[in-house]
Amino acid sequence: MPRPTRPPFPRRQVGRSLRRLRERAGLTQSEAGEPIRISKSKLSRIEQGHLPGYNDFLALLDRYGVLASEYEEYVRMLDQAKEPGWWPRNPPRDFGYVGAEASASRVRGIEVGLVPGLLQTEAYARRVFEDSAIPWTGDQVTAMTEVRTKRQRRLCRDPDFRVHLIIDEVALRPPRCPRAQLERIIERTALPNLVVQVVPCAAGLHIGLSGGFTILDFPDPEEPGLVYTCGGFGALHLDRPKEIAEAHMQFKHLAKVALGEVASIEFLKRLAVAAEPG
């Protein structure tokens, strides 16, 4: 069963900023909130990323000794956190991942059966959704495909968004993966912020075969990472330090098992030559 989705990264930033101000003022949550009628439980939720109302926000700034002349930067942060993301509010089969990825500064992923979403062509993505056992409507397939396409724009436009993807050969073999899809992956490997590695079948059994996963890192060093794994019946968001450490170990191990970056590109080119158009 998925754990409750965390508030988006910009909202958690607001919460951390208020917590730092409170700690700098030497106040507990109870001491900070009582004079301005904000309960300890409410302030705890605010510091976890649940946005306060404007008046409560200003009251907290005043309580923490922030000068009125310094309010502007904090109010700007609050306003930015209230802005909706580009993704649909409740996209099908999202499980909260798209919003988390949009806030991440680094993505590392292992895929066994499918080409990673950040590298899929529109035709490939549409086929994945249409061939699902779930009877998606045409509108739902179109919406999910559009979300996947929009996610890729950041990969192409934001050089600070670093992505490292490890793909098992099984996902890349024709006819499962047509030539056009292989050519898209090869084209994307020219991006300076993207690393693609392939695990060939010749590598034999490896830990990645037990299931793919994605590790998200965020720009704020205080922000804990997130491990996301999705299956046919749902998804898991893991954020405990032990879980994240184990995911890092598995990813690092599989990166050693996989072909190097240059060898992986050559491997992809050979597959593309042998693949049928489509």
Protein backbone atom coordinates (compact mmCIF):
# COMPACT_ATOMS: atom_id res chain seq x y z
CA MET A 1 0.00 0.00 0.00
CA PRO A 2 1.49 3.40 -0.98
CA ARG A 3 2.56 5.69 1.82
CA PRO A 4 0.90 9.12 1.98
CA THR A 5 2.26 11.41 -0.70
CA ARG A 6 4.51 14.17 0.63
CA PRO A 7 3.68 17.80 -0.16
CA PRO A 8 5.48 19.11 -3.27
CA PHE A 9 9.09 20.21 -2.88
CA PRO A 10 8.41 24.02 -2.96
CA ARG A 11 5.94 23.62 -0.10
CA ARG A 12 8.39 21.59 1.93
CA GLN A 13 10.93 24.37 1.35
CA VAL A 14 8.54 26.87 2.92
CA GLY A 15 8.10 24.55 5.90
CA ARG A 16 11.85 24.11 6.36
CA SER A 17 12.42 27.86 6.14
CA LEU A 18 9.86 28.48 8.88
CA ARG A 19 11.38 25.73 11.03
CA ARG A 20 14.86 27.28 10.66
CA LEU A 21 13.50 30.68 11.66
CA ARG A 22 11.77 29.18 14.69
CA GLU A 23 14.91 27.34 15.79
CA ARG A 24 16.99 30.48 15.27
CA ALA A 25 14.54 32.30 17.56
CA GLY A 26 15.05 29.55 20.18
CA LEU A 27 11.36 28.61 20.32
CA THR A 28 9.62 25.26 20.56
CA GLN A 29 6.57 24.70 18.38
CA SER A 30 4.29 25.26 21.35
CA GLU A 31 6.08 28.48 22.36
CA ALA A 32 6.01 29.76 18.81
CA GLY A 33 2.35 29.12 18.12
CA GLU A 34 0.56 29.78 21.40
CA PRO A 35 0.69 33.63 21.39
CA ILE A 36 -0.63 33.76 17.81
CA ARG A 37 -3.23 31.00 18.25
CA ILE A 38 -1.51 28.39 16.09
CA SER A 39 -1.58 24.98 17.73
CA LYS A 40 1.49 22.78 17.99
CA SER A 41 -0.10 20.18 15.68
CA LYS A 42 -0.91 22.82 13.06
CA LEU A 43 2.59 24.29 13.18
CA SER A 44 4.02 20.79 12.85
CA ARG A 45 1.98 20.28 9.66
CA ILE A 46 3.13 23.65 8.34
CA GLU A 47 6.77 22.75 8.92
CA GLN A 48 6.21 19.49 7.05
CA GLY A 49 5.05 21.38 3.97
CA HIS A 50 1.36 22.13 4.43
CA LEU A 51 1.07 25.80 3.51
CA PRO A 52 -0.32 28.26 6.08
CA GLY A 53 -2.75 31.01 5.23
CA TYR A 54 -1.27 34.40 4.40
CA ASN A 55 -2.12 35.95 7.78
CA ASP A 56 -0.72 32.98 9.71
CA PHE A 57 2.41 33.13 7.59
CA LEU A 58 2.99 36.81 8.37
CA ALA A 59 2.23 36.19 12.05
CA LEU A 60 4.90 33.49 12.16
CA LEU A 61 7.46 35.73 10.47
CA ASP A 62 6.74 38.43 13.03
CA ARG A 63 6.89 35.92 15.90
CA TYR A 64 10.33 34.79 14.69
CA GLY A 65 11.68 38.32 14.62
CA VAL A 66 11.82 38.77 10.85
CA LEU A 67 11.86 42.46 9.96
CA ALA A 68 9.02 43.76 7.78
CA SER A 69 11.64 44.90 5.25
CA GLU A 70 12.69 41.23 4.87
CA TYR A 71 9.20 39.85 4.32
CA GLU A 72 9.35 40.08 0.53
CA GLU A 73 11.62 37.09 -0.10
CA TYR A 74 9.56 34.87 2.21
CA VAL A 75 6.25 35.98 0.70
CA ARG A 76 7.67 35.29 -2.77
CA MET A 77 8.60 31.79 -1.65
CA LEU A 78 5.06 31.25 -0.33
CA ASP A 79 3.48 32.52 -3.57
CA GLN A 80 5.69 30.26 -5.68
CA ALA A 81 4.80 27.26 -3.54
CA LYS A 82 1.10 27.92 -4.17
CA GLU A 83 1.50 27.83 -7.94
CA PRO A 84 0.16 24.60 -9.44
CA GLY A 85 2.54 22.33 -11.35
CA TRP A 86 2.17 21.74 -15.06
CA TRP A 87 0.93 18.16 -14.57
CA PRO A 88 -2.77 17.22 -14.22
CA ARG A 89 -4.07 17.21 -10.68
CA ASN A 90 -4.92 13.49 -10.67
CA PRO A 91 -3.32 11.84 -13.71
CA PRO A 92 -4.16 8.13 -14.05
CA ARG A 93 -1.53 5.73 -12.67
CA ASP A 94 0.63 8.61 -11.47
CA PHE A 95 0.89 7.61 -7.77
CA GLY A 96 2.39 11.05 -7.00
CA TYR A 97 5.56 10.40 -8.98
CA VAL A 98 5.31 13.13 -11.63
CA GLY A 99 5.21 15.98 -9.11
CA ALA A 100 8.14 14.51 -7.19
CA GLU A 101 10.22 14.12 -10.35
CA ALA A 102 9.44 17.71 -11.35
CA SER A 103 11.07 18.89 -8.10
CA ALA A 104 14.06 16.54 -8.29
CA SER A 105 17.52 17.63 -9.36
CA ARG A 106 18.72 14.09 -10.08
CA VAL A 107 17.04 10.90 -11.25
CA ARG A 108 18.61 7.45 -11.28
CA GLY A 109 16.53 4.59 -12.57
CA ILE A 110 16.68 0.89 -13.37
CA GLU A 111 14.25 -0.56 -15.93
CA VAL A 112 13.88 -4.21 -16.81
CA GLY A 113 10.81 -4.66 -19.02
CA LEU A 114 10.15 -1.27 -20.60
CA VAL A 115 12.04 1.71 -21.95
CA PRO A 116 12.12 4.42 -19.21
CA GLY A 117 9.38 7.01 -19.54
CA LEU A 118 11.88 9.86 -19.96
CA LEU A 119 13.14 8.20 -23.15
CA GLN A 120 9.92 6.88 -24.70
CA THR A 121 8.67 8.10 -28.07
CA GLU A 122 5.04 9.17 -28.21
CA ALA A 123 4.17 6.09 -30.26
CA TYR A 124 5.88 3.74 -27.80
CA ALA A 125 4.23 5.37 -24.77
CA ARG A 126 0.81 5.23 -26.40
CA ARG A 127 1.29 1.56 -27.25
CA VAL A 128 2.27 0.77 -23.64
CA PHE A 129 -0.94 2.35 -22.35
CA GLU A 130 -3.17 0.92 -25.08
CA ASP A 131 -1.86 -2.61 -24.54
CA SER A 132 -2.50 -2.45 -20.80
CA ALA A 133 -4.99 -4.87 -19.28
CA ILE A 134 -6.66 -1.81 -17.75
CA PRO A 135 -9.36 -0.54 -20.17
CA TRP A 136 -8.16 3.06 -20.48
CA THR A 137 -10.34 5.36 -22.55
CA GLY A 138 -8.85 7.12 -25.55
CA ASP A 139 -8.82 10.40 -23.63
CA GLN A 140 -6.96 8.80 -20.71
CA VAL A 141 -4.34 7.30 -23.03
CA THR A 142 -3.85 10.69 -24.66
CA ALA A 143 -3.56 12.45 -21.28
CA MET A 144 -1.00 9.97 -19.94
CA THR A 145 1.01 10.14 -23.15
CA GLU A 146 1.05 13.95 -23.02
CA VAL A 147 2.28 13.91 -19.41
CA ARG A 148 5.11 11.57 -20.41
CA THR A 149 6.06 13.85 -23.32
CA LYS A 150 6.07 16.95 -21.11
CA ARG A 151 8.31 15.24 -18.55
CA GLN A 152 10.91 14.80 -21.29
CA ARG A 153 11.06 18.53 -22.05
CA ARG A 154 12.88 19.20 -18.82
CA LEU A 155 15.45 16.53 -19.64
CA CYS A 156 16.16 18.31 -22.93
CA ARG A 157 16.04 21.89 -21.64
CA ASP A 158 17.43 21.86 -18.10
CA PRO A 159 21.16 21.00 -17.96
CA ASP A 160 21.04 20.92 -14.15
CA PHE A 161 18.51 18.07 -14.25
CA ARG A 162 20.81 15.02 -14.18
CA VAL A 163 19.51 11.63 -15.24
CA HIS A 164 21.25 8.23 -15.15
CA LEU A 165 19.25 5.29 -16.52
CA ILE A 166 20.19 1.61 -16.58
CA ILE A 167 18.12 -0.54 -18.96
CA ASP A 168 18.12 -4.31 -19.28
CA GLU A 169 18.60 -5.62 -22.81
CA VAL A 170 15.27 -7.46 -22.53
CA ALA A 171 13.46 -4.10 -22.76
CA LEU A 172 15.43 -3.11 -25.86
CA ARG A 173 15.20 -6.21 -28.01
CA PRO A 174 13.00 -6.15 -31.14
CA PRO A 175 10.11 -6.52 -31.71
CA ARG A 176 9.36 -5.22 -28.23
CA CYS A 177 11.42 -2.11 -28.94
CA PRO A 178 11.14 -0.82 -32.55
CA ARG A 179 13.90 0.97 -34.42
CA ALA A 180 12.36 4.43 -33.93
CA GLN A 181 12.44 3.95 -30.16
CA LEU A 182 16.05 2.76 -30.20
CA GLU A 183 17.02 5.74 -32.35
CA ARG A 184 15.32 8.08 -29.87
CA ILE A 185 17.41 6.66 -27.02
CA ILE A 186 20.61 6.99 -29.09
CA GLU A 187 19.70 10.58 -29.95
CA ARG A 188 19.06 11.46 -26.32
CA THR A 189 22.45 10.11 -25.21
CA ALA A 190 23.99 13.22 -26.78
CA LEU A 191 22.52 15.28 -23.93
CA PRO A 192 25.25 16.26 -21.44
CA ASN A 193 22.98 15.64 -18.44
CA LEU A 194 21.97 12.09 -19.44
CA VAL A 195 23.80 8.80 -18.94
CA VAL A 196 22.36 5.58 -20.37
CA GLN A 197 23.78 2.15 -19.63
CA VAL A 198 22.63 -1.22 -20.93
CA VAL A 199 22.79 -4.50 -19.03
CA PRO A 200 23.25 -7.17 -21.73
CA CYS A 201 21.66 -10.59 -21.39
CA ALA A 202 25.21 -11.97 -21.35
CA ALA A 203 25.59 -10.45 -17.87
CA GLY A 204 23.39 -13.29 -16.59
CA LEU A 205 21.40 -12.98 -13.38
CA HIS A 206 21.59 -9.60 -11.66
CA ILE A 207 19.80 -7.77 -8.87
CA GLY A 208 17.89 -5.55 -11.32
CA LEU A 209 15.85 -8.53 -12.53
CA SER A 210 14.01 -8.52 -9.20
CA GLY A 211 12.34 -5.26 -10.22
CA GLY A 212 13.11 -1.76 -11.41
CA PHE A 213 13.12 1.35 -9.25
CA THR A 214 13.88 5.07 -9.41
CA ILE A 215 15.90 7.19 -6.96
CA LEU A 216 15.08 10.89 -6.76
CA ASP A 217 17.45 13.45 -5.21
CA PHE A 218 16.43 17.02 -4.47
CA PRO A 219 18.36 20.32 -4.63
CA ASP A 220 18.05 21.12 -0.94
CA PRO A 221 20.62 19.04 1.02
CA GLU A 222 18.15 18.81 3.91
CA GLU A 223 15.57 17.20 1.65
CA PRO A 224 15.64 13.40 2.01
CA GLY A 225 15.73 11.40 -1.18
CA LEU A 226 12.91 9.23 -2.44
CA VAL A 227 12.86 5.73 -3.89
CA TYR A 228 9.93 4.93 -6.14
CA THR A 229 8.97 1.51 -7.42
CA CYS A 230 5.87 0.76 -9.45
CA GLY A 231 4.18 -2.52 -10.31
CA GLY A 232 1.00 -3.67 -11.96
CA PHE A 233 -1.14 -3.04 -8.88
CA GLY A 234 0.31 0.13 -7.39
CA ALA A 235 3.46 1.87 -6.28
CA LEU A 236 5.69 2.37 -3.27
CA HIS A 237 7.38 5.59 -2.21
CA LEU A 238 10.25 4.79 0.15
CA ASP A 239 12.01 7.55 2.08
CA ARG A 240 13.60 5.93 5.13
CA PRO A 241 17.39 6.32 5.24
CA LYS A 242 17.98 2.55 5.27
CA GLU A 243 15.77 2.05 2.21
CA ILE A 244 17.46 4.87 0.31
CA ALA A 245 20.92 3.56 1.21
CA GLU A 246 20.03 0.08 -0.03
CA ALA A 247 18.69 1.50 -3.30
CA HIS A 248 21.93 3.44 -3.79
CA MET A 249 23.96 0.29 -3.20
CA GLN A 250 21.90 -1.70 -5.70
CA PHE A 251 22.12 1.04 -8.32
CA LYS A 252 25.88 1.40 -7.89
CA HIS A 253 26.31 -2.37 -8.18
CA LEU A 254 24.23 -2.60 -11.34
CA ALA A 255 26.11 0.32 -12.90
CA LYS A 256 29.24 -1.83 -12.58
CA VAL A 257 27.50 -4.85 -14.10
CA ALA A 258 26.18 -2.82 -17.06
CA LEU A 259 28.16 -1.86 -20.14
CA GLY A 260 29.99 1.46 -19.92
CA GLU A 261 28.41 4.57 -21.41
CA VAL A 262 30.24 4.40 -24.78
CA ALA A 263 29.85 0.62 -25.09
CA SER A 264 26.13 0.97 -24.30
CA ILE A 265 25.64 3.45 -27.14
CA GLU A 266 27.40 1.11 -29.57
CA PHE A 267 25.23 -1.74 -28.33
CA LEU A 268 22.10 0.34 -28.95
CA LYS A 269 23.27 1.19 -32.46
CA ARG A 270 23.70 -2.50 -33.28
CA LEU A 271 20.21 -3.25 -32.01
CA ALA A 272 18.78 -0.37 -34.07
CA VAL A 273 20.38 -1.65 -37.27
CA ALA A 274 18.83 -5.08 -36.71
CA ALA A 275 15.40 -3.76 -35.65
CA GLU A 276 12.34 -3.42 -37.86
CA PRO A 277 11.15 0.13 -38.57
CA GLY A 278 8.24 1.28 -36.47
